[in-house]
Amino acid sequence: MEETGDTIIKVAESINNITQGIDNIDTLLGDIETRTKVFSNELTTLSSNSQSAALDAKKDIMQAQDAQQSITMIEAESQLIEQLTNIANRHGY
C-alpha cells in the first residue's frame, strides 16, 4: 500500500511539473507573439521612414540638378557678356 501511495504522489508531482512546464511554454509563446508584433511594427515604421528618406533624397537630387542647370546658364551668360565686352572694347565702346 505504501508503494501505491508513493507512486500516486510521484505521478501527481510529475503531472504538476508537466502542468507548470505547459504554463511556462504558454507564457513564452505569449512573449514571442508580443515581441513579434513589436518587431513587425518597428519594421513597418522603418519601411515608412526609408520611403520618406528616399523621397527626400530624390527631391534633393532634383534640386541639385536644377542648381547645376542654373550654374551652367550663368556660366554661359558670363561668357557671352565677356565676349560682348571684348567686341565693344575693340570698337571703342
N, C-alpha and C. Protein backbone atom coordinates (compact mmCIF):
# COMPACT_ATOMS: atom_id res chain seq x y z
N MET A 1 0.80 -1.19 0.00
CA MET A 1 0.00 0.00 0.00
C MET A 1 0.84 1.26 0.00
N GLU A 2 1.91 1.18 0.76
CA GLU A 2 2.78 2.35 0.85
C GLU A 2 3.38 2.68 -0.51
N GLU A 3 3.72 1.63 -1.28
CA GLU A 3 4.29 1.85 -2.61
C GLU A 3 3.27 2.50 -3.52
N THR A 4 2.02 2.10 -3.41
CA THR A 4 0.97 2.68 -4.24
C THR A 4 0.80 4.15 -3.90
N GLY A 5 0.83 4.48 -2.63
CA GLY A 5 0.73 5.87 -2.20
C GLY A 5 1.89 6.69 -2.71
N ASP A 6 3.11 6.12 -2.62
CA ASP A 6 4.30 6.82 -3.13
C ASP A 6 4.20 7.03 -4.64
N THR A 7 3.70 6.00 -5.33
CA THR A 7 3.56 6.10 -6.79
C THR A 7 2.55 7.18 -7.15
N ILE A 8 1.45 7.23 -6.43
CA ILE A 8 0.42 8.25 -6.69
C ILE A 8 1.00 9.65 -6.46
N ILE A 9 1.78 9.80 -5.39
CA ILE A 9 2.40 11.09 -5.10
C ILE A 9 3.37 11.47 -6.21
N LYS A 10 4.19 10.51 -6.67
CA LYS A 10 5.15 10.79 -7.74
C LYS A 10 4.43 11.14 -9.04
N VAL A 11 3.35 10.43 -9.33
CA VAL A 11 2.57 10.72 -10.55
C VAL A 11 1.97 12.12 -10.43
N ALA A 12 1.43 12.45 -9.26
CA ALA A 12 0.85 13.78 -9.05
C ALA A 12 1.91 14.86 -9.20
N GLU A 13 3.10 14.62 -8.66
CA GLU A 13 4.19 15.59 -8.80
C GLU A 13 4.60 15.74 -10.26
N SER A 14 4.65 14.62 -10.98
CA SER A 14 5.00 14.66 -12.40
C SER A 14 3.96 15.45 -13.19
N ILE A 15 2.69 15.20 -12.90
CA ILE A 15 1.61 15.94 -13.57
C ILE A 15 1.72 17.42 -13.26
N ASN A 16 2.02 17.75 -12.01
CA ASN A 16 2.19 19.15 -11.62
C ASN A 16 3.36 19.78 -12.37
N ASN A 17 4.47 19.05 -12.48
CA ASN A 17 5.63 19.56 -13.21
C ASN A 17 5.30 19.76 -14.69
N ILE A 18 4.57 18.81 -15.27
CA ILE A 18 4.18 18.94 -16.67
C ILE A 18 3.27 20.15 -16.85
N THR A 19 2.33 20.33 -15.93
CA THR A 19 1.42 21.48 -16.00
C THR A 19 2.19 22.79 -15.90
N GLN A 20 3.16 22.85 -14.99
CA GLN A 20 3.99 24.05 -14.87
C GLN A 20 4.80 24.28 -16.15
N GLY A 21 5.31 23.19 -16.73
CA GLY A 21 6.05 23.30 -17.99
C GLY A 21 5.17 23.84 -19.10
N ILE A 22 3.94 23.35 -19.17
CA ILE A 22 2.99 23.84 -20.19
C ILE A 22 2.69 25.31 -19.95
N ASP A 23 2.50 25.70 -18.69
CA ASP A 23 2.26 27.12 -18.37
C ASP A 23 3.45 27.97 -18.80
N ASN A 24 4.66 27.47 -18.54
CA ASN A 24 5.87 28.21 -18.94
C ASN A 24 5.94 28.36 -20.46
N ILE A 25 5.63 27.28 -21.17
CA ILE A 25 5.64 27.33 -22.64
C ILE A 25 4.59 28.32 -23.13
N ASP A 26 3.42 28.30 -22.52
CA ASP A 26 2.35 29.23 -22.90
C ASP A 26 2.80 30.68 -22.68
N THR A 27 3.46 30.92 -21.56
CA THR A 27 3.98 32.27 -21.27
C THR A 27 5.02 32.67 -22.31
N LEU A 28 5.92 31.75 -22.64
CA LEU A 28 6.95 32.04 -23.65
C LEU A 28 6.32 32.32 -25.01
N LEU A 29 5.31 31.55 -25.37
CA LEU A 29 4.63 31.79 -26.65
C LEU A 29 3.96 33.17 -26.67
N GLY A 30 3.39 33.55 -25.54
CA GLY A 30 2.80 34.90 -25.43
C GLY A 30 3.86 35.98 -25.60
N ASP A 31 5.02 35.76 -24.96
CA ASP A 31 6.13 36.72 -25.10
C ASP A 31 6.60 36.80 -26.55
N ILE A 32 6.71 35.64 -27.20
CA ILE A 32 7.14 35.61 -28.60
C ILE A 32 6.14 36.35 -29.47
N GLU A 33 4.86 36.13 -29.22
CA GLU A 33 3.82 36.81 -30.01
C GLU A 33 3.91 38.33 -29.82
N THR A 34 4.08 38.76 -28.58
CA THR A 34 4.20 40.19 -28.29
C THR A 34 5.42 40.78 -28.97
N ARG A 35 6.55 40.10 -28.85
CA ARG A 35 7.79 40.60 -29.47
C ARG A 35 7.67 40.61 -30.99
N THR A 36 6.99 39.62 -31.54
CA THR A 36 6.80 39.57 -32.99
C THR A 36 5.97 40.77 -33.45
N LYS A 37 4.92 41.10 -32.70
CA LYS A 37 4.10 42.27 -33.05
C LYS A 37 4.91 43.55 -32.97
N VAL A 38 5.71 43.68 -31.92
CA VAL A 38 6.55 44.87 -31.77
C VAL A 38 7.55 44.96 -32.92
N PHE A 39 8.17 43.84 -33.25
CA PHE A 39 9.15 43.79 -34.35
C PHE A 39 8.48 44.15 -35.67
N SER A 40 7.28 43.62 -35.88
CA SER A 40 6.54 43.92 -37.11
C SER A 40 6.23 45.41 -37.19
N ASN A 41 5.82 46.00 -36.08
CA ASN A 41 5.54 47.45 -36.06
C ASN A 41 6.81 48.25 -36.33
N GLU A 42 7.92 47.81 -35.76
CA GLU A 42 9.20 48.50 -36.00
C GLU A 42 9.61 48.40 -37.46
N LEU A 43 9.39 47.24 -38.07
CA LEU A 43 9.71 47.08 -39.49
C LEU A 43 8.83 47.98 -40.36
N THR A 44 7.56 48.08 -40.00
CA THR A 44 6.65 48.95 -40.74
C THR A 44 7.11 50.40 -40.64
N THR A 45 7.48 50.81 -39.43
CA THR A 45 7.98 52.18 -39.22
C THR A 45 9.27 52.40 -40.01
N LEU A 46 10.18 51.44 -39.96
CA LEU A 46 11.44 51.54 -40.68
C LEU A 46 11.20 51.65 -42.19
N SER A 47 10.28 50.84 -42.68
CA SER A 47 9.95 50.88 -44.11
C SER A 47 9.39 52.24 -44.50
N SER A 48 8.50 52.75 -43.67
CA SER A 48 7.92 54.07 -43.93
C SER A 48 8.99 55.16 -43.91
N ASN A 49 9.87 55.09 -42.91
CA ASN A 49 10.96 56.07 -42.82
C ASN A 49 11.90 55.97 -44.01
N SER A 50 12.15 54.75 -44.46
CA SER A 50 13.03 54.55 -45.62
C SER A 50 12.42 55.15 -46.87
N GLN A 51 11.11 54.94 -47.04
CA GLN A 51 10.42 55.51 -48.20
C GLN A 51 10.47 57.03 -48.15
N SER A 52 10.27 57.56 -46.97
CA SER A 52 10.33 59.01 -46.78
C SER A 52 11.71 59.54 -47.11
N ALA A 53 12.73 58.85 -46.61
CA ALA A 53 14.11 59.27 -46.88
C ALA A 53 14.42 59.19 -48.37
N ALA A 54 13.90 58.16 -49.03
CA ALA A 54 14.14 58.02 -50.47
C ALA A 54 13.49 59.17 -51.23
N LEU A 55 12.28 59.55 -50.83
CA LEU A 55 11.62 60.69 -51.48
C LEU A 55 12.39 61.98 -51.24
N ASP A 56 12.86 62.16 -50.01
CA ASP A 56 13.66 63.35 -49.70
C ASP A 56 14.94 63.38 -50.53
N ALA A 57 15.57 62.23 -50.66
CA ALA A 57 16.81 62.16 -51.45
C ALA A 57 16.52 62.48 -52.91
N LYS A 58 15.40 61.98 -53.41
CA LYS A 58 15.02 62.26 -54.80
C LYS A 58 14.81 63.76 -55.00
N LYS A 59 14.14 64.39 -54.04
CA LYS A 59 13.93 65.85 -54.11
C LYS A 59 15.27 66.59 -54.08
N ASP A 60 16.17 66.14 -53.21
CA ASP A 60 17.49 66.76 -53.11
C ASP A 60 18.25 66.64 -54.43
N ILE A 61 18.16 65.47 -55.05
CA ILE A 61 18.83 65.26 -56.34
C ILE A 61 18.26 66.20 -57.39
N MET A 62 16.93 66.32 -57.41
CA MET A 62 16.30 67.21 -58.39
C MET A 62 16.71 68.66 -58.16
N GLN A 63 16.79 69.07 -56.90
CA GLN A 63 17.23 70.43 -56.59
C GLN A 63 18.68 70.64 -57.01
N ALA A 64 19.51 69.64 -56.79
CA ALA A 64 20.92 69.74 -57.19
C ALA A 64 21.03 69.84 -58.71
N GLN A 65 20.20 69.08 -59.42
CA GLN A 65 20.21 69.15 -60.88
C GLN A 65 19.76 70.53 -61.36
N ASP A 66 18.73 71.07 -60.71
CA ASP A 66 18.27 72.43 -61.05
C ASP A 66 19.38 73.44 -60.81
N ALA A 67 20.06 73.29 -59.68
CA ALA A 67 21.15 74.22 -59.35
C ALA A 67 22.27 74.10 -60.38
N GLN A 68 22.58 72.88 -60.80
CA GLN A 68 23.63 72.68 -61.81
C GLN A 68 23.23 73.34 -63.13
N GLN A 69 21.97 73.22 -63.50
CA GLN A 69 21.50 73.87 -64.73
C GLN A 69 21.61 75.38 -64.62
N SER A 70 21.28 75.91 -63.45
CA SER A 70 21.40 77.36 -63.23
C SER A 70 22.85 77.80 -63.34
N ILE A 71 23.75 77.03 -62.76
CA ILE A 71 25.18 77.35 -62.83
C ILE A 71 25.65 77.33 -64.28
N THR A 72 25.22 76.34 -65.03
CA THR A 72 25.60 76.23 -66.44
C THR A 72 25.10 77.44 -67.22
N MET A 73 23.87 77.85 -66.95
CA MET A 73 23.30 79.03 -67.63
C MET A 73 24.07 80.29 -67.25
N ILE A 74 24.39 80.45 -65.98
CA ILE A 74 25.14 81.63 -65.53
C ILE A 74 26.52 81.65 -66.18
N GLU A 75 27.17 80.49 -66.25
CA GLU A 75 28.48 80.43 -66.90
C GLU A 75 28.39 80.82 -68.37
N ALA A 76 27.35 80.33 -69.06
CA ALA A 76 27.17 80.66 -70.48
C ALA A 76 26.90 82.16 -70.64
N GLU A 77 26.06 82.71 -69.77
CA GLU A 77 25.76 84.14 -69.83
C GLU A 77 27.02 84.96 -69.55
N SER A 78 27.81 84.51 -68.59
CA SER A 78 29.05 85.20 -68.25
C SER A 78 30.01 85.22 -69.44
N GLN A 79 30.12 84.08 -70.12
CA GLN A 79 30.98 84.02 -71.30
C GLN A 79 30.46 84.94 -72.41
N LEU A 80 29.15 84.97 -72.58
CA LEU A 80 28.56 85.84 -73.60
C LEU A 80 28.83 87.31 -73.27
N ILE A 81 28.66 87.67 -72.00
CA ILE A 81 28.93 89.06 -71.59
C ILE A 81 30.40 89.39 -71.83
N GLU A 82 31.28 88.46 -71.51
CA GLU A 82 32.71 88.69 -71.71
C GLU A 82 33.01 88.88 -73.20
N GLN A 83 32.41 88.06 -74.04
CA GLN A 83 32.63 88.18 -75.49
C GLN A 83 32.08 89.52 -76.01
N LEU A 84 30.89 89.89 -75.54
CA LEU A 84 30.30 91.16 -75.98
C LEU A 84 31.14 92.34 -75.49
N THR A 85 31.67 92.23 -74.27
CA THR A 85 32.53 93.28 -73.73
C THR A 85 33.79 93.41 -74.58
N ASN A 86 34.38 92.29 -74.96
CA ASN A 86 35.58 92.31 -75.81
C ASN A 86 35.28 92.95 -77.16
N ILE A 87 34.14 92.59 -77.74
CA ILE A 87 33.76 93.18 -79.03
C ILE A 87 33.55 94.69 -78.88
N ALA A 88 32.85 95.08 -77.81
CA ALA A 88 32.59 96.51 -77.58
C ALA A 88 33.90 97.26 -77.38
N ASN A 89 34.83 96.67 -76.64
CA ASN A 89 36.13 97.31 -76.40
C ASN A 89 36.91 97.47 -77.71
N ARG A 90 36.81 96.47 -78.58
CA ARG A 90 37.53 96.57 -79.86
C ARG A 90 36.95 97.68 -80.74
N HIS A 91 35.69 97.97 -80.55
CA HIS A 91 35.06 99.02 -81.35
C HIS A 91 35.03 100.36 -80.61
N GLY A 92 35.71 100.43 -79.52
CA GLY A 92 35.86 101.69 -78.81
C GLY A 92 34.69 102.07 -77.92
N TYR A 93 33.92 101.13 -77.50
CA TYR A 93 32.80 101.47 -76.62
C TYR A 93 33.16 101.29 -75.21
